[in-house]
Amino acid sequence: MAVVPVNGIRLNYEDSGGPGEPVVLVMGSGASGRAWHLHQVPALTAAGFRVVTVDNRGIPPTDVCAEGFTVRDLAEDVIGLVEYLGLGPCRLVGTSMGAYVVQELALLRPALVRQAVLMATRGRVDAMRRALTAAEIELYDSGVELPRRFDAVVQAMRNLSPRSLSDDTAVRDWLDVLEVTSGTSPGERVHMTLDPEPGRLDAYRNITVPCHVIAFQDDLVTPPELGREVADAIPGATFEALAGCGHFGYLEDPSAVNKSIVEFFRRIA
């Protein structure tokens, strides 16, 4: 891991090294870039790519910036890292909030992007997702601390598919992991506010880089129809909905996710 100065902050990243073409992975809200190292980094490295993961601002050891920031700030952080490491034009993968970041980066600096994979994404906020965000912010600001086990159960119900939730062994493992990682930091409080508002679908019609949208069929946080809207808005974008996956699809069915990513990347030699 290394911390570098970009865009006025200290940004933490990890570089797999190697001679392959670079891929930058951008994680979603409240999560460390280390989450990619469970499945995506090994698969992409095995496929011959050089993989760089990043901790978004708000996630230590990157600066927390609890006073506030925007999706554009996060996009410019990644731009700064790509330029610092001399990676461009490179491939990018983002999930959830990380996909919003990659979408904005593709608009801001298309010359830095060779291909982009957008997972669990959306280009607008519907009434249910707006209510969920408002409720999470209200809970955090109230100062109430939920018992870790209760928070883990809520996170599992929200982010996993019925397939995983009906597997008793898998559920016990997931709850153990989610209990350890539960809780919200001041930086993550800012992440809660970073929905694509106002609606960005019209702006995405100006994206010119090759994009592939991956949706998860059982995703309650970003339902597949919202990902389809993004694919329909971006000229030439492809779309795939993976069955048996919730919002954590890249962890629930990494083989299907990794296959979709690598096949898309190999369409452009």
Protein backbone atom coordinates (compact mmCIF):
# COMPACT_ATOMS: atom_id res chain seq x y z
CA MET A 1 0.00 0.00 0.00
CA ALA A 2 1.10 3.58 -0.61
CA VAL A 3 -0.25 7.03 0.22
CA VAL A 4 0.23 9.75 -2.40
CA PRO A 5 -0.77 13.43 -2.56
CA VAL A 6 -3.46 13.99 -5.20
CA ASN A 7 -6.23 16.55 -5.57
CA GLY A 8 -5.28 18.24 -2.28
CA ILE A 9 -5.55 15.07 -0.14
CA ARG A 10 -3.55 11.98 0.80
CA LEU A 11 -4.90 9.04 -1.18
CA ASN A 12 -4.19 5.41 -0.33
CA TYR A 13 -3.84 2.83 -3.10
CA GLU A 14 -2.46 -0.65 -3.69
CA ASP A 15 -0.76 -1.69 -6.93
CA SER A 16 -0.40 -5.35 -7.90
CA GLY A 17 2.46 -4.36 -10.19
CA GLY A 18 3.36 -6.45 -13.18
CA PRO A 19 3.68 -5.66 -16.87
CA GLY A 20 0.02 -6.06 -17.83
CA GLU A 21 -2.38 -3.36 -18.93
CA PRO A 22 -3.72 -1.43 -15.92
CA VAL A 23 -7.16 -1.77 -14.36
CA VAL A 24 -8.27 0.59 -11.57
CA LEU A 25 -10.96 -0.69 -9.20
CA VAL A 26 -13.18 1.83 -7.38
CA MET A 27 -15.17 0.57 -4.38
CA GLY A 28 -18.62 1.61 -3.21
CA SER A 29 -19.86 3.51 -0.19
CA GLY A 30 -18.25 2.86 3.16
CA ALA A 31 -15.94 0.09 1.99
CA SER A 32 -12.19 -0.23 1.62
CA GLY A 33 -10.52 -1.06 -1.65
CA ARG A 34 -9.29 -4.20 0.09
CA ALA A 35 -12.70 -5.75 -0.62
CA TRP A 36 -11.60 -6.17 -4.24
CA HIS A 37 -8.68 -8.33 -3.14
CA LEU A 38 -10.88 -11.25 -2.13
CA HIS A 39 -11.89 -12.17 -5.67
CA GLN A 40 -11.46 -9.51 -8.36
CA VAL A 41 -7.75 -8.72 -7.93
CA PRO A 42 -6.67 -12.40 -8.14
CA ALA A 43 -8.88 -13.03 -11.17
CA LEU A 44 -7.75 -9.93 -13.06
CA THR A 45 -4.10 -10.55 -12.21
CA ALA A 46 -4.44 -14.13 -13.44
CA ALA A 47 -5.93 -12.75 -16.66
CA GLY A 48 -2.75 -10.72 -17.20
CA PHE A 49 -3.77 -7.29 -15.95
CA ARG A 50 -1.98 -4.94 -13.58
CA VAL A 51 -4.55 -4.07 -10.91
CA VAL A 52 -4.71 -0.92 -8.78
CA THR A 53 -7.21 -0.53 -5.95
CA VAL A 54 -7.96 2.70 -4.15
CA ASP A 55 -9.45 3.77 -0.83
CA ASN A 56 -11.87 6.60 -1.60
CA ARG A 57 -11.68 9.73 0.51
CA GLY A 58 -13.61 9.06 3.67
CA ILE A 59 -11.94 5.64 4.11
CA PRO A 60 -8.68 5.69 6.13
CA PRO A 61 -5.77 5.73 5.57
CA THR A 62 -7.00 8.05 2.78
CA ASP A 63 -8.00 11.42 4.25
CA VAL A 64 -11.47 11.31 5.79
CA CYS A 65 -12.55 14.84 4.74
CA ALA A 66 -15.53 14.69 7.10
CA GLU A 67 -16.39 18.30 6.26
CA GLY A 68 -17.82 17.03 2.99
CA PHE A 69 -17.03 16.17 -0.62
CA THR A 70 -18.78 15.27 -3.87
CA VAL A 71 -18.77 12.49 -6.44
CA ARG A 72 -16.79 14.84 -8.65
CA ASP A 73 -14.15 15.15 -5.91
CA LEU A 74 -13.88 11.35 -5.83
CA ALA A 75 -13.61 11.24 -9.63
CA GLU A 76 -10.86 13.84 -9.57
CA ASP A 77 -9.05 11.83 -6.89
CA VAL A 78 -8.98 8.82 -9.22
CA ILE A 79 -7.94 11.05 -12.12
CA GLY A 80 -5.05 12.31 -9.98
CA LEU A 81 -3.99 8.76 -9.13
CA VAL A 82 -4.16 7.62 -12.77
CA GLU A 83 -2.02 10.57 -13.80
CA TYR A 84 0.38 10.16 -10.86
CA LEU A 85 1.01 6.52 -11.79
CA GLY A 86 0.97 7.19 -15.55
CA LEU A 87 -1.76 4.61 -16.15
CA GLY A 88 -3.93 6.34 -18.71
CA PRO A 89 -5.68 5.39 -20.82
CA CYS A 90 -6.69 2.53 -18.53
CA ARG A 91 -9.63 0.29 -17.74
CA LEU A 92 -11.81 1.09 -14.74
CA VAL A 93 -14.30 -0.91 -12.70
CA GLY A 94 -16.65 0.65 -10.16
CA THR A 95 -19.43 -0.74 -8.04
CA SER A 96 -22.34 1.20 -6.54
CA MET A 97 -20.98 4.61 -5.51
CA GLY A 98 -17.74 3.61 -7.22
CA ALA A 99 -19.67 3.23 -10.48
CA TYR A 100 -21.00 6.78 -10.11
CA VAL A 101 -17.37 7.89 -9.72
CA VAL A 102 -16.27 6.07 -12.87
CA GLN A 103 -19.25 7.48 -14.81
CA GLU A 104 -18.28 11.04 -13.86
CA LEU A 105 -14.62 10.35 -14.62
CA ALA A 106 -15.59 9.13 -18.09
CA LEU A 107 -17.35 12.45 -18.66
CA LEU A 108 -14.57 14.60 -17.21
CA ARG A 109 -11.54 12.89 -18.77
CA PRO A 110 -12.50 10.37 -21.45
CA ALA A 111 -8.93 10.28 -22.76
CA LEU A 112 -7.89 8.53 -19.53
CA VAL A 113 -10.45 5.72 -19.93
CA ARG A 114 -10.01 2.79 -22.27
CA GLN A 115 -13.03 0.79 -21.05
CA ALA A 116 -15.33 1.03 -18.04
CA VAL A 117 -17.34 -1.57 -16.14
CA LEU A 118 -20.21 -0.15 -14.06
CA MET A 119 -21.67 -2.52 -11.48
CA ALA A 120 -24.80 -2.02 -9.36
CA THR A 121 -25.21 1.47 -10.73
CA ARG A 122 -27.95 3.98 -11.44
CA GLY A 123 -28.32 7.41 -13.01
CA ARG A 124 -31.15 8.74 -10.88
CA VAL A 125 -32.70 8.29 -7.46
CA ASP A 126 -36.23 6.92 -7.14
CA ALA A 127 -38.53 7.47 -4.17
CA MET A 128 -37.54 4.30 -2.30
CA ARG A 129 -33.79 4.85 -2.62
CA ARG A 130 -34.21 8.52 -1.63
CA ALA A 131 -36.14 7.46 1.47
CA LEU A 132 -33.49 4.88 2.37
CA THR A 133 -30.70 7.46 2.12
CA ALA A 134 -32.62 10.00 4.21
CA ALA A 135 -33.35 7.37 6.87
CA GLU A 136 -29.70 6.29 7.10
CA ILE A 137 -28.55 9.88 7.48
CA GLU A 138 -31.19 10.55 10.14
CA LEU A 139 -30.11 7.47 12.08
CA TYR A 140 -26.43 8.44 11.96
CA ASP A 141 -27.10 12.04 12.96
CA SER A 142 -29.27 10.92 15.89
CA GLY A 143 -26.22 9.39 17.55
CA VAL A 144 -28.01 6.09 18.15
CA GLU A 145 -25.65 3.12 17.94
CA LEU A 146 -27.33 -0.09 16.84
CA PRO A 147 -26.12 -3.36 18.32
CA ARG A 148 -23.55 -4.79 15.93
CA ARG A 149 -25.41 -8.06 15.49
CA PHE A 150 -28.64 -6.24 14.63
CA ASP A 151 -26.80 -4.04 12.14
CA ALA A 152 -25.22 -7.13 10.56
CA VAL A 153 -28.62 -8.77 10.10
CA VAL A 154 -30.06 -5.62 8.49
CA GLN A 155 -27.07 -5.35 6.16
CA ALA A 156 -27.41 -8.99 5.15
CA MET A 157 -31.11 -8.64 4.40
CA ARG A 158 -30.44 -5.50 2.37
CA ASN A 159 -27.39 -6.58 0.36
CA LEU A 160 -27.62 -10.34 -0.19
CA SER A 161 -29.77 -12.40 -2.51
CA PRO A 162 -32.48 -14.85 -1.39
CA ARG A 163 -30.14 -17.60 -2.59
CA SER A 164 -27.50 -16.61 -0.03
CA LEU A 165 -30.02 -15.87 2.70
CA SER A 166 -31.50 -19.38 2.39
CA ASP A 167 -28.10 -21.03 2.82
CA ASP A 168 -27.66 -21.45 6.58
CA THR A 169 -23.90 -21.95 6.44
CA ALA A 170 -23.37 -18.97 4.15
CA VAL A 171 -25.59 -16.76 6.30
CA ARG A 172 -23.65 -17.56 9.46
CA ASP A 173 -20.39 -16.68 7.70
CA TRP A 174 -21.82 -13.46 6.27
CA LEU A 175 -23.22 -12.36 9.65
CA ASP A 176 -19.86 -12.93 11.32
CA VAL A 177 -18.11 -10.77 8.72
CA LEU A 178 -20.76 -8.04 8.72
CA GLU A 179 -20.77 -7.86 12.50
CA VAL A 180 -17.04 -7.20 12.57
CA THR A 181 -17.31 -4.50 9.89
CA SER A 182 -20.50 -2.80 11.14
CA GLY A 183 -20.54 0.83 12.23
CA THR A 184 -20.31 4.11 10.36
CA SER A 185 -17.47 6.65 10.40
CA PRO A 186 -17.68 10.40 9.68
CA GLY A 187 -16.29 9.80 6.18
CA GLU A 188 -18.92 7.17 5.50
CA ARG A 189 -21.55 9.69 6.64
CA VAL A 190 -20.52 11.82 3.65
CA HIS A 191 -20.73 8.78 1.37
CA MET A 192 -24.40 8.46 2.31
CA THR A 193 -25.13 11.76 0.55
CA LEU A 194 -23.50 10.83 -2.77
CA ASP A 195 -26.46 9.63 -4.79
CA PRO A 196 -26.54 10.68 -8.48
CA GLU A 197 -28.69 13.77 -7.95
CA PRO A 198 -29.98 15.55 -9.83
CA GLY A 199 -30.64 12.76 -12.33
CA ARG A 200 -27.59 12.17 -14.53
CA LEU A 201 -29.01 10.06 -17.34
CA ASP A 202 -29.01 12.94 -19.83
CA ALA A 203 -25.37 13.68 -18.99
CA TYR A 204 -24.43 10.04 -19.51
CA ARG A 205 -25.58 10.30 -23.12
CA ASN A 206 -22.32 12.22 -23.64
CA ILE A 207 -20.07 9.38 -22.44
CA THR A 208 -17.93 8.28 -25.37
CA VAL A 209 -15.85 5.44 -23.88
CA PRO A 210 -16.84 1.75 -24.18
CA CYS A 211 -18.93 0.80 -21.13
CA HIS A 212 -20.38 -2.43 -19.77
CA VAL A 213 -23.10 -2.31 -17.10
CA ILE A 214 -23.47 -5.28 -14.74
CA ALA A 215 -26.64 -5.42 -12.66
CA PHE A 216 -27.58 -7.92 -9.98
CA GLN A 217 -31.02 -9.43 -10.36
CA ASP A 218 -31.87 -9.44 -6.63
CA ASP A 219 -30.31 -6.05 -5.81
CA LEU A 220 -32.58 -4.02 -3.52
CA VAL A 221 -30.21 -1.05 -3.31
CA THR A 222 -29.76 -0.52 -7.05
CA PRO A 223 -32.38 -2.65 -8.82
CA PRO A 224 -31.41 -3.93 -12.27
CA GLU A 225 -33.91 -1.69 -14.05
CA LEU A 226 -31.95 1.35 -12.84
CA GLY A 227 -28.74 -0.14 -14.23
CA ARG A 228 -30.52 -0.82 -17.52
CA GLU A 229 -31.37 2.89 -17.70
CA VAL A 230 -27.67 3.75 -17.44
CA ALA A 231 -26.78 1.26 -20.19
CA ASP A 232 -29.53 2.65 -22.40
CA ALA A 233 -28.28 6.20 -21.85
CA ILE A 234 -24.59 5.56 -22.66
CA PRO A 235 -24.07 5.20 -26.42
CA GLY A 236 -23.03 1.67 -27.31
CA ALA A 237 -23.01 0.38 -23.72
CA THR A 238 -23.67 -3.30 -23.09
CA PHE A 239 -25.74 -4.69 -20.24
CA GLU A 240 -25.84 -7.91 -18.26
CA ALA A 241 -28.01 -8.85 -15.28
CA LEU A 242 -26.60 -11.66 -13.13
CA ALA A 243 -29.10 -13.95 -11.43
CA GLY A 244 -28.87 -15.04 -7.81
CA CYS A 245 -27.03 -11.91 -6.68
CA GLY A 246 -27.87 -8.99 -4.43
CA HIS A 247 -26.00 -5.69 -4.06
CA PHE A 248 -22.88 -7.60 -2.98
CA GLY A 249 -22.93 -9.62 -6.20
CA TYR A 250 -19.19 -9.22 -6.76
CA LEU A 251 -18.75 -11.17 -3.50
CA GLU A 252 -21.74 -13.52 -3.82
CA ASP A 253 -20.91 -14.81 -7.30
CA PRO A 254 -17.39 -13.62 -8.09
CA SER A 255 -16.88 -16.19 -10.85
CA ALA A 256 -19.78 -14.79 -12.90
CA VAL A 257 -18.75 -11.19 -12.20
CA ASN A 258 -15.09 -11.76 -13.05
CA LYS A 259 -16.03 -13.63 -16.23
CA SER A 260 -18.22 -10.73 -17.35
CA ILE A 261 -15.48 -8.18 -16.65
CA VAL A 262 -12.68 -10.08 -18.37
CA GLU A 263 -14.77 -10.96 -21.43
CA PHE A 264 -15.68 -7.29 -21.86
CA PHE A 265 -12.08 -6.17 -21.48
CA ARG A 266 -10.91 -8.68 -24.09
CA ARG A 267 -13.25 -7.26 -26.71
CA ILE A 268 -10.71 -4.48 -27.16
CA ALA A 269 -7.17 -5.81 -27.48
